[in-house]
C-alpha atoms as a PDB file:
ATOM      1  CA  MET A   1      -7.497  95.213 -37.339  1.00  0.00           C
ATOM      2  CA  THR A   2      -6.498  92.236 -35.317  1.00  0.00           C
ATOM      3  CA  GLY A   3      -6.494  88.652 -36.396  1.00  0.00           C
ATOM      4  CA  GLU A   4      -4.992  85.230 -36.091  1.00  0.00           C
ATOM      5  CA  ALA A   5      -1.308  84.649 -36.736  1.00  0.00           C
ATOM      6  CA  GLY A   6      -0.610  84.859 -40.444  1.00  0.00           C
ATOM      7  CA  LYS A   7      -4.039  86.270 -41.252  1.00  0.00           C
ATOM      8  CA  THR A   8      -4.416  89.180 -43.644  1.00  0.00           C
ATOM      9  CA  THR A   9      -7.173  91.645 -42.837  1.00  0.00           C
ATOM     10  CA  ALA A  10      -8.351  94.663 -44.779  1.00  0.00           C
ATOM     11  CA  ASP A  11     -10.358  97.813 -44.299  1.00  0.00           C
ATOM     12  CA  SER A  12     -10.969 100.805 -46.548  1.00  0.00           C
ATOM     13  CA  THR A  13      -7.505 102.340 -46.076  1.00  0.00           C
ATOM     14  CA  ALA A  14      -4.949  99.673 -45.196  1.00  0.00           C
ATOM     15  CA  GLN A  15      -4.233  95.984 -45.049  1.00  0.00           C
ATOM     16  CA  GLN A  16      -2.530  94.094 -42.274  1.00  0.00           C
ATOM     17  CA  VAL A  17      -0.626  90.844 -42.014  1.00  0.00           C
ATOM     18  CA  ASP A  18      -0.650  89.532 -38.457  1.00  0.00           C
ATOM     19  CA  ALA A  19       2.386  87.263 -38.348  1.00  0.00           C
ATOM     20  CA  ARG A  20       2.848  87.386 -34.593  1.00  0.00           C
ATOM     21  CA  ASP A  21       4.007  84.070 -33.123  1.00  0.00           C
ATOM     22  CA  LEU A  22       5.159  82.830 -36.550  1.00  0.00           C
ATOM     23  CA  LYS A  23       8.816  81.971 -37.072  1.00  0.00           C
ATOM     24  CA  CYS A  24      11.056  82.630 -40.056  1.00  0.00           C
ATOM     25  CA  PRO A  25      10.389  82.347 -42.955  1.00  0.00           C
ATOM     26  CA  LEU A  26       6.598  82.523 -42.478  1.00  0.00           C
ATOM     27  CA  PRO A  27       6.280  86.281 -41.711  1.00  0.00           C
ATOM     28  CA  VAL A  28       8.134  87.131 -44.939  1.00  0.00           C
ATOM     29  CA  LEU A  29       6.124  84.642 -46.984  1.00  0.00           C
ATOM     30  CA  HIS A  30       2.825  86.062 -45.714  1.00  0.00           C
ATOM     31  CA  ALA A  31       4.018  89.628 -46.307  1.00  0.00           C
ATOM     32  CA  ARG A  32       5.210  88.811 -49.835  1.00  0.00           C
ATOM     33  CA  ARG A  33       1.878  87.222 -50.727  1.00  0.00           C
ATOM     34  CA  ALA A  34      -0.052  90.235 -49.400  1.00  0.00           C
ATOM     35  CA  LEU A  35       2.236  92.716 -51.196  1.00  0.00           C
ATOM     36  CA  THR A  36       1.840  90.986 -54.548  1.00  0.00           C
ATOM     37  CA  ARG A  37      -1.956  91.299 -54.220  1.00  0.00           C
ATOM     38  CA  LEU A  38      -1.964  94.901 -53.026  1.00  0.00           C
ATOM     39  CA  PRO A  39      -2.726  97.659 -55.568  1.00  0.00           C
ATOM     40  CA  ALA A  40      -0.092 100.340 -56.175  1.00  0.00           C
ATOM     41  CA  GLY A  41      -0.338 103.232 -53.765  1.00  0.00           C
ATOM     42  CA  GLN A  42      -1.662 101.151 -50.863  1.00  0.00           C
ATOM     43  CA  GLU A  43       0.031 100.385 -47.560  1.00  0.00           C
ATOM     44  CA  LEU A  44       0.553  97.102 -45.763  1.00  0.00           C
ATOM     45  CA  GLU A  45       1.063  96.824 -42.024  1.00  0.00           C
ATOM     46  CA  VAL A  46       2.975  93.728 -40.914  1.00  0.00           C
ATOM     47  CA  LEU A  47       3.057  92.652 -37.263  1.00  0.00           C
ATOM     48  CA  CYS A  48       5.762  90.167 -36.191  1.00  0.00           C
ATOM     49  CA  THR A  49       7.239  88.788 -33.000  1.00  0.00           C
ATOM     50  CA  ASP A  50      10.156  86.951 -34.634  1.00  0.00           C
ATOM     51  CA  PRO A  51      13.327  89.019 -34.019  1.00  0.00           C
ATOM     52  CA  VAL A  52      14.716  87.938 -37.405  1.00  0.00           C
ATOM     53  CA  SER A  53      11.918  89.928 -39.059  1.00  0.00           C
ATOM     54  CA  VAL A  54      13.859  93.171 -38.451  1.00  0.00           C
ATOM     55  CA  ILE A  55      16.327  91.860 -41.048  1.00  0.00           C
ATOM     56  CA  ASP A  56      13.991  89.899 -43.296  1.00  0.00           C
ATOM     57  CA  ILE A  57      11.150  92.404 -43.796  1.00  0.00           C
ATOM     58  CA  PRO A  58      13.389  95.340 -44.836  1.00  0.00           C
ATOM     59  CA  ASN A  59      15.232  92.994 -47.233  1.00  0.00           C
ATOM     60  CA  LEU A  60      11.918  91.856 -48.729  1.00  0.00           C
ATOM     61  CA  VAL A  61      10.780  95.450 -49.202  1.00  0.00           C
ATOM     62  CA  ARG A  62      14.053  96.409 -50.872  1.00  0.00           C
ATOM     63  CA  GLU A  63      13.978  93.293 -53.087  1.00  0.00           C
ATOM     64  CA  MET A  64      10.411  94.062 -54.235  1.00  0.00           C
ATOM     65  CA  GLY A  65      11.220  97.743 -54.850  1.00  0.00           C
ATOM     66  CA  PHE A  66       8.726  99.139 -52.338  1.00  0.00           C
ATOM     67  CA  VAL A  67       9.152 101.660 -49.515  1.00  0.00           C
ATOM     68  CA  LEU A  68       9.487 100.800 -45.824  1.00  0.00           C
ATOM     69  CA  LYS A  69       7.770 103.794 -44.239  1.00  0.00           C
ATOM     70  CA  GLU A  70       7.932 102.786 -40.605  1.00  0.00           C
ATOM     71  CA  THR A  71       9.506 100.221 -38.286  1.00  0.00           C
ATOM     72  CA  VAL A  72       8.428 100.170 -34.639  1.00  0.00           C
ATOM     73  CA  ASN A  73       9.433  97.857 -31.793  1.00  0.00           C
ATOM     74  CA  SER A  74       6.607  98.048 -29.245  1.00  0.00           C
ATOM     75  CA  GLY A  75       8.337  95.616 -26.907  1.00  0.00           C
ATOM     76  CA  GLU A  76       5.613  93.044 -27.608  1.00  0.00           C
ATOM     77  CA  HIS A  77       5.967  92.924 -31.384  1.00  0.00           C
ATOM     78  CA  TYR A  78       7.500  94.641 -34.392  1.00  0.00           C
ATOM     79  CA  ARG A  79       5.343  96.757 -36.686  1.00  0.00           C
ATOM     80  CA  PHE A  80       6.330  97.480 -40.280  1.00  0.00           C
ATOM     81  CA  VAL A  81       4.432  99.803 -42.604  1.00  0.00           C
ATOM     82  CA  ILE A  82       5.185  99.188 -46.274  1.00  0.00           C
ATOM     83  CA  ALA A  83       4.053 101.393 -49.161  1.00  0.00           C
ATOM     84  CA  THR A  84       3.543  99.745 -52.531  1.00  0.00           C
ATOM     85  CA  VAL A  85       4.982 102.733 -54.357  1.00  0.00           C
ATOM     86  CA  GLN A  86       8.008 101.774 -56.376  1.00  0.00           C
ATOM     87  CA  LEU A  87      11.006 104.049 -56.191  1.00  0.00           C
ATOM     88  CA  ASP A  88      12.097 105.675 -59.429  1.00  0.00           C
ATOM     89  CA  ILE A  89      15.882 105.406 -59.215  1.00  0.00           C
ATOM     90  CA  GLU A  90      16.424 107.932 -62.029  1.00  0.00           C
ATOM     91  CA  GLN A  91      14.490 110.633 -60.146  1.00  0.00           C
ATOM     92  CA  GLU A  92      16.659 110.197 -57.054  1.00  0.00           C
ATOM     93  CA  ASN A  93      19.943 110.789 -58.936  1.00  0.00           C
END
């Protein structure tokens, strides 16, 4: 699942936003657009090279009420896996 910078690709199990080489705020904008189109229960993989994304992507996920399942720094890029399952705050308390 590779693609051009800012391109969203899909297969049968996951979607990906390739925001490598894009600068803030573009990675977050592309991720937000993809997340709003993604059905509940699906996952989105976001690839970024912008170091600010390690702050911006987790904030976006928290703001939208989704779950950040994984954050990886490969040395070449950051990889975020986001689940579109909303947290039920009442169940956690």
